[in-house]
Amino acid sequence: MHNLYIPVVAILVAFAAIFGGQAISDSQVDDDINALIVEQLGIDHAVELQSMRDVQHGYGVCGRYLDPAAGEATTAFYYSEVNERVALGEHASAYERHCTR
């Protein structure tokens, strides 16, 4: 019976390594997006990211952000993981090209 534990434990460790690493990577992307938006807006506090979805086979992220100091309205953004840039607003050409389809 103990011979069964080794493959089960190995599978669980592999599963945790794969999906745990993905969660850490997603968190870093969120932090990068937040930092770029804060820099572009010229504010000194974090924004709240909402409604995020991957586009371009995972090379871009579309979503909305809320600046808590500015009120209740959210603003759209597009983040390119290729060149690590963010475009703000629904009328930004990168947002229209990648997020409105």
N, C-alpha and C. Protein backbone atom coordinates (compact mmCIF):
# COMPACT_ATOMS: atom_id res chain seq x y z
N MET A 1 0.82 -1.20 0.00
CA MET A 1 0.00 0.00 0.00
C MET A 1 0.86 1.26 0.00
N HIS A 2 1.99 1.23 0.68
CA HIS A 2 2.83 2.43 0.74
C HIS A 2 3.45 2.75 -0.62
N ASN A 3 3.48 1.78 -1.53
CA ASN A 3 3.98 2.05 -2.88
C ASN A 3 3.04 2.96 -3.66
N LEU A 4 1.79 3.01 -3.24
CA LEU A 4 0.81 3.88 -3.87
C LEU A 4 1.01 5.34 -3.46
N TYR A 5 1.54 5.58 -2.28
CA TYR A 5 1.72 6.94 -1.79
C TYR A 5 2.75 7.73 -2.60
N ILE A 6 3.79 7.09 -3.06
CA ILE A 6 4.86 7.79 -3.77
C ILE A 6 4.35 8.45 -5.06
N PRO A 7 3.65 7.73 -5.94
CA PRO A 7 3.15 8.41 -7.14
C PRO A 7 2.09 9.47 -6.83
N VAL A 8 1.25 9.23 -5.84
CA VAL A 8 0.22 10.21 -5.49
C VAL A 8 0.87 11.48 -4.97
N VAL A 9 1.86 11.35 -4.10
CA VAL A 9 2.56 12.52 -3.57
C VAL A 9 3.30 13.24 -4.70
N ALA A 10 3.93 12.51 -5.60
CA ALA A 10 4.65 13.12 -6.72
C ALA A 10 3.69 13.91 -7.61
N ILE A 11 2.52 13.37 -7.87
CA ILE A 11 1.51 14.06 -8.68
C ILE A 11 1.04 15.33 -7.98
N LEU A 12 0.79 15.24 -6.68
CA LEU A 12 0.35 16.41 -5.93
C LEU A 12 1.41 17.50 -5.88
N VAL A 13 2.67 17.12 -5.74
CA VAL A 13 3.76 18.09 -5.73
C VAL A 13 3.88 18.77 -7.09
N ALA A 14 3.79 18.00 -8.16
CA ALA A 14 3.86 18.56 -9.50
C ALA A 14 2.69 19.51 -9.75
N PHE A 15 1.51 19.11 -9.33
CA PHE A 15 0.31 19.93 -9.48
C PHE A 15 0.49 21.26 -8.73
N ALA A 16 0.96 21.20 -7.51
CA ALA A 16 1.16 22.41 -6.70
C ALA A 16 2.23 23.31 -7.32
N ALA A 17 3.28 22.72 -7.86
CA ALA A 17 4.35 23.52 -8.47
C ALA A 17 3.86 24.24 -9.72
N ILE A 18 3.09 23.54 -10.54
CA ILE A 18 2.60 24.14 -11.79
C ILE A 18 1.60 25.25 -11.50
N PHE A 19 0.57 24.95 -10.73
CA PHE A 19 -0.49 25.92 -10.52
C PHE A 19 -0.13 26.97 -9.49
N GLY A 20 0.73 26.65 -8.55
CA GLY A 20 1.23 27.65 -7.60
C GLY A 20 2.10 28.66 -8.31
N GLY A 21 2.95 28.21 -9.21
CA GLY A 21 3.80 29.11 -9.99
C GLY A 21 2.98 30.02 -10.88
N GLN A 22 1.90 29.51 -11.44
CA GLN A 22 1.01 30.31 -12.28
C GLN A 22 0.34 31.40 -11.45
N ALA A 23 -0.09 31.08 -10.25
CA ALA A 23 -0.73 32.07 -9.39
C ALA A 23 0.24 33.17 -9.01
N ILE A 24 1.47 32.83 -8.73
CA ILE A 24 2.49 33.83 -8.40
C ILE A 24 2.76 34.71 -9.61
N SER A 25 2.85 34.11 -10.79
CA SER A 25 3.09 34.86 -12.01
C SER A 25 1.95 35.83 -12.29
N ASP A 26 0.70 35.40 -12.12
CA ASP A 26 -0.46 36.27 -12.33
C ASP A 26 -0.43 37.44 -11.36
N SER A 27 -0.04 37.19 -10.13
CA SER A 27 0.05 38.25 -9.13
C SER A 27 1.09 39.29 -9.53
N GLN A 28 2.21 38.84 -10.08
CA GLN A 28 3.25 39.78 -10.52
C GLN A 28 2.76 40.63 -11.69
N VAL A 29 2.01 40.04 -12.59
CA VAL A 29 1.45 40.80 -13.72
C VAL A 29 0.48 41.85 -13.19
N ASP A 30 -0.36 41.49 -12.23
CA ASP A 30 -1.28 42.45 -11.63
C ASP A 30 -0.51 43.61 -11.01
N ASP A 31 0.57 43.31 -10.29
CA ASP A 31 1.39 44.36 -9.68
C ASP A 31 2.03 45.26 -10.74
N ASP A 32 2.49 44.66 -11.83
CA ASP A 32 3.09 45.44 -12.92
C ASP A 32 2.07 46.38 -13.55
N ILE A 33 0.87 45.86 -13.81
CA ILE A 33 -0.19 46.67 -14.41
C ILE A 33 -0.53 47.83 -13.48
N ASN A 34 -0.70 47.53 -12.20
CA ASN A 34 -1.05 48.55 -11.23
C ASN A 34 0.01 49.64 -11.19
N ALA A 35 1.28 49.25 -11.16
CA ALA A 35 2.38 50.22 -11.11
C ALA A 35 2.41 51.11 -12.37
N LEU A 36 2.17 50.53 -13.53
CA LEU A 36 2.17 51.31 -14.77
C LEU A 36 1.01 52.30 -14.82
N ILE A 37 -0.16 51.88 -14.36
CA ILE A 37 -1.32 52.77 -14.34
C ILE A 37 -1.07 53.92 -13.37
N VAL A 38 -0.56 53.62 -12.18
CA VAL A 38 -0.25 54.65 -11.19
C VAL A 38 0.77 55.64 -11.75
N GLU A 39 1.78 55.12 -12.45
CA GLU A 39 2.80 56.00 -13.05
C GLU A 39 2.20 56.91 -14.11
N GLN A 40 1.35 56.34 -14.98
CA GLN A 40 0.75 57.16 -16.05
C GLN A 40 -0.19 58.21 -15.49
N LEU A 41 -0.92 57.86 -14.43
CA LEU A 41 -1.85 58.81 -13.84
C LEU A 41 -1.14 59.85 -12.97
N GLY A 42 0.07 59.53 -12.55
CA GLY A 42 0.81 60.45 -11.69
C GLY A 42 0.25 60.54 -10.28
N ILE A 43 -0.26 59.43 -9.79
CA ILE A 43 -0.82 59.41 -8.43
C ILE A 43 0.12 58.62 -7.51
N ASP A 44 -0.14 58.73 -6.21
CA ASP A 44 0.74 58.06 -5.26
C ASP A 44 0.05 56.94 -4.49
N HIS A 45 -1.05 56.44 -5.00
CA HIS A 45 -1.77 55.34 -4.37
C HIS A 45 -2.17 54.31 -5.43
N ALA A 46 -2.39 53.10 -4.99
CA ALA A 46 -2.73 52.01 -5.91
C ALA A 46 -4.16 52.17 -6.41
N VAL A 47 -4.40 51.57 -7.56
CA VAL A 47 -5.75 51.50 -8.12
C VAL A 47 -6.27 50.08 -7.94
N GLU A 48 -7.56 49.93 -8.11
CA GLU A 48 -8.19 48.60 -7.98
C GLU A 48 -8.46 48.05 -9.38
N LEU A 49 -7.85 46.91 -9.72
CA LEU A 49 -8.04 46.28 -11.02
C LEU A 49 -9.30 45.43 -11.00
N GLN A 50 -10.08 45.50 -12.08
CA GLN A 50 -11.34 44.78 -12.16
C GLN A 50 -11.53 44.19 -13.55
N SER A 51 -12.36 43.17 -13.65
CA SER A 51 -12.81 42.60 -14.92
C SER A 51 -11.66 42.30 -15.87
N MET A 52 -10.61 41.71 -15.38
CA MET A 52 -9.45 41.43 -16.23
C MET A 52 -9.65 40.13 -17.00
N ARG A 53 -9.16 40.14 -18.27
CA ARG A 53 -9.21 38.92 -19.09
C ARG A 53 -8.00 38.91 -20.02
N ASP A 54 -7.49 37.73 -20.25
CA ASP A 54 -6.36 37.57 -21.16
C ASP A 54 -6.83 37.66 -22.60
N VAL A 55 -6.02 38.31 -23.44
CA VAL A 55 -6.28 38.40 -24.88
C VAL A 55 -4.97 38.11 -25.59
N GLN A 56 -5.04 37.95 -26.90
CA GLN A 56 -3.87 37.68 -27.73
C GLN A 56 -3.10 36.44 -27.25
N HIS A 57 -3.82 35.39 -26.94
CA HIS A 57 -3.22 34.13 -26.51
C HIS A 57 -2.33 34.32 -25.28
N GLY A 58 -2.75 35.21 -24.37
CA GLY A 58 -2.02 35.43 -23.13
C GLY A 58 -0.95 36.50 -23.20
N TYR A 59 -0.81 37.17 -24.34
CA TYR A 59 0.21 38.23 -24.47
C TYR A 59 -0.33 39.61 -24.10
N GLY A 60 -1.59 39.71 -23.77
CA GLY A 60 -2.18 40.99 -23.39
C GLY A 60 -3.29 40.79 -22.37
N VAL A 61 -3.63 41.86 -21.68
CA VAL A 61 -4.68 41.83 -20.67
C VAL A 61 -5.58 43.04 -20.88
N CYS A 62 -6.88 42.79 -20.95
CA CYS A 62 -7.87 43.86 -21.00
C CYS A 62 -8.58 43.89 -19.65
N GLY A 63 -8.98 45.07 -19.25
CA GLY A 63 -9.69 45.17 -17.99
C GLY A 63 -10.11 46.59 -17.70
N ARG A 64 -10.51 46.79 -16.46
CA ARG A 64 -10.91 48.10 -15.98
C ARG A 64 -10.21 48.35 -14.66
N TYR A 65 -10.02 49.63 -14.35
CA TYR A 65 -9.46 49.97 -13.05
C TYR A 65 -10.29 51.05 -12.40
N LEU A 66 -10.25 51.08 -11.08
CA LEU A 66 -10.95 52.08 -10.29
C LEU A 66 -9.93 52.82 -9.45
N ASP A 67 -9.92 54.13 -9.59
CA ASP A 67 -9.09 54.98 -8.74
C ASP A 67 -9.95 55.35 -7.54
N PRO A 68 -9.68 54.80 -6.36
CA PRO A 68 -10.55 55.04 -5.20
C PRO A 68 -10.68 56.52 -4.84
N ALA A 69 -9.66 57.31 -5.11
CA ALA A 69 -9.71 58.73 -4.78
C ALA A 69 -10.56 59.52 -5.77
N ALA A 70 -10.76 58.99 -6.97
CA ALA A 70 -11.48 59.72 -8.01
C ALA A 70 -12.99 59.45 -7.99
N GLY A 71 -13.45 58.43 -7.31
CA GLY A 71 -14.88 58.16 -7.25
C GLY A 71 -15.23 56.76 -7.72
N GLU A 72 -16.47 56.61 -8.17
CA GLU A 72 -17.03 55.30 -8.50
C GLU A 72 -16.79 54.84 -9.93
N ALA A 73 -16.46 55.72 -10.84
CA ALA A 73 -16.34 55.36 -12.26
C ALA A 73 -15.07 54.55 -12.51
N THR A 74 -15.18 53.56 -13.37
CA THR A 74 -14.03 52.76 -13.76
C THR A 74 -13.58 53.19 -15.16
N THR A 75 -12.31 52.92 -15.44
CA THR A 75 -11.73 53.26 -16.73
C THR A 75 -11.10 52.01 -17.32
N ALA A 76 -11.20 51.85 -18.63
CA ALA A 76 -10.66 50.68 -19.32
C ALA A 76 -9.15 50.80 -19.49
N PHE A 77 -8.50 49.64 -19.61
CA PHE A 77 -7.07 49.62 -19.92
C PHE A 77 -6.73 48.38 -20.73
N TYR A 78 -5.63 48.46 -21.46
CA TYR A 78 -5.05 47.31 -22.15
C TYR A 78 -3.58 47.26 -21.77
N TYR A 79 -3.10 46.09 -21.35
CA TYR A 79 -1.70 45.90 -20.98
C TYR A 79 -1.08 44.89 -21.93
N SER A 80 0.04 45.26 -22.54
CA SER A 80 0.77 44.35 -23.43
C SER A 80 1.92 43.73 -22.64
N GLU A 81 1.92 42.41 -22.53
CA GLU A 81 3.01 41.73 -21.83
C GLU A 81 4.27 41.68 -22.69
N VAL A 82 4.15 41.91 -23.98
CA VAL A 82 5.30 41.87 -24.87
C VAL A 82 6.22 43.07 -24.61
N ASN A 83 5.64 44.27 -24.63
CA ASN A 83 6.47 45.46 -24.42
C ASN A 83 6.23 46.13 -23.07
N GLU A 84 5.43 45.50 -22.22
CA GLU A 84 5.15 45.97 -20.86
C GLU A 84 4.69 47.42 -20.83
N ARG A 85 3.67 47.71 -21.63
CA ARG A 85 3.07 49.03 -21.68
C ARG A 85 1.57 48.92 -21.43
N VAL A 86 1.02 49.99 -20.93
CA VAL A 86 -0.41 50.02 -20.67
C VAL A 86 -1.03 51.20 -21.42
N ALA A 87 -2.21 50.96 -22.01
CA ALA A 87 -2.97 52.00 -22.69
C ALA A 87 -4.25 52.22 -21.89
N LEU A 88 -4.54 53.47 -21.56
CA LEU A 88 -5.69 53.79 -20.72
C LEU A 88 -6.82 54.39 -21.54
N GLY A 89 -8.04 53.96 -21.26
CA GLY A 89 -9.24 54.52 -21.87
C GLY A 89 -9.78 53.67 -23.01
N GLU A 90 -11.11 53.73 -23.17
CA GLU A 90 -11.78 52.96 -24.23
C GLU A 90 -11.39 53.41 -25.63
N HIS A 91 -10.91 54.65 -25.76
CA HIS A 91 -10.58 55.19 -27.08
C HIS A 91 -9.10 55.08 -27.42
N ALA A 92 -8.32 54.47 -26.55
CA ALA A 92 -6.90 54.23 -26.87
C ALA A 92 -6.85 53.21 -28.00
N SER A 93 -6.00 53.44 -28.97
CA SER A 93 -5.97 52.57 -30.14
C SER A 93 -5.65 51.12 -29.77
N ALA A 94 -4.76 50.90 -28.83
CA ALA A 94 -4.43 49.52 -28.42
C ALA A 94 -5.62 48.85 -27.77
N TYR A 95 -6.38 49.59 -26.98
CA TYR A 95 -7.58 49.02 -26.34
C TYR A 95 -8.61 48.66 -27.40
N GLU A 96 -8.85 49.57 -28.32
CA GLU A 96 -9.84 49.31 -29.38
C GLU A 96 -9.41 48.12 -30.25
N ARG A 97 -8.13 48.00 -30.53
CA ARG A 97 -7.63 46.94 -31.41
C ARG A 97 -7.72 45.56 -30.75
N HIS A 98 -7.45 45.47 -29.45
CA HIS A 98 -7.35 44.16 -28.80
C HIS A 98 -8.52 43.80 -27.90
N CYS A 99 -9.28 44.76 -27.42
CA CYS A 99 -10.28 44.47 -26.39
C CYS A 99 -11.72 44.60 -26.83
N THR A 100 -11.99 45.21 -27.96
CA THR A 100 -13.38 45.44 -28.34
C THR A 100 -13.93 44.37 -29.27
N ARG A 101 -13.17 43.36 -29.53
CA ARG A 101 -13.63 42.30 -30.44
C ARG A 101 -14.51 41.32 -29.72
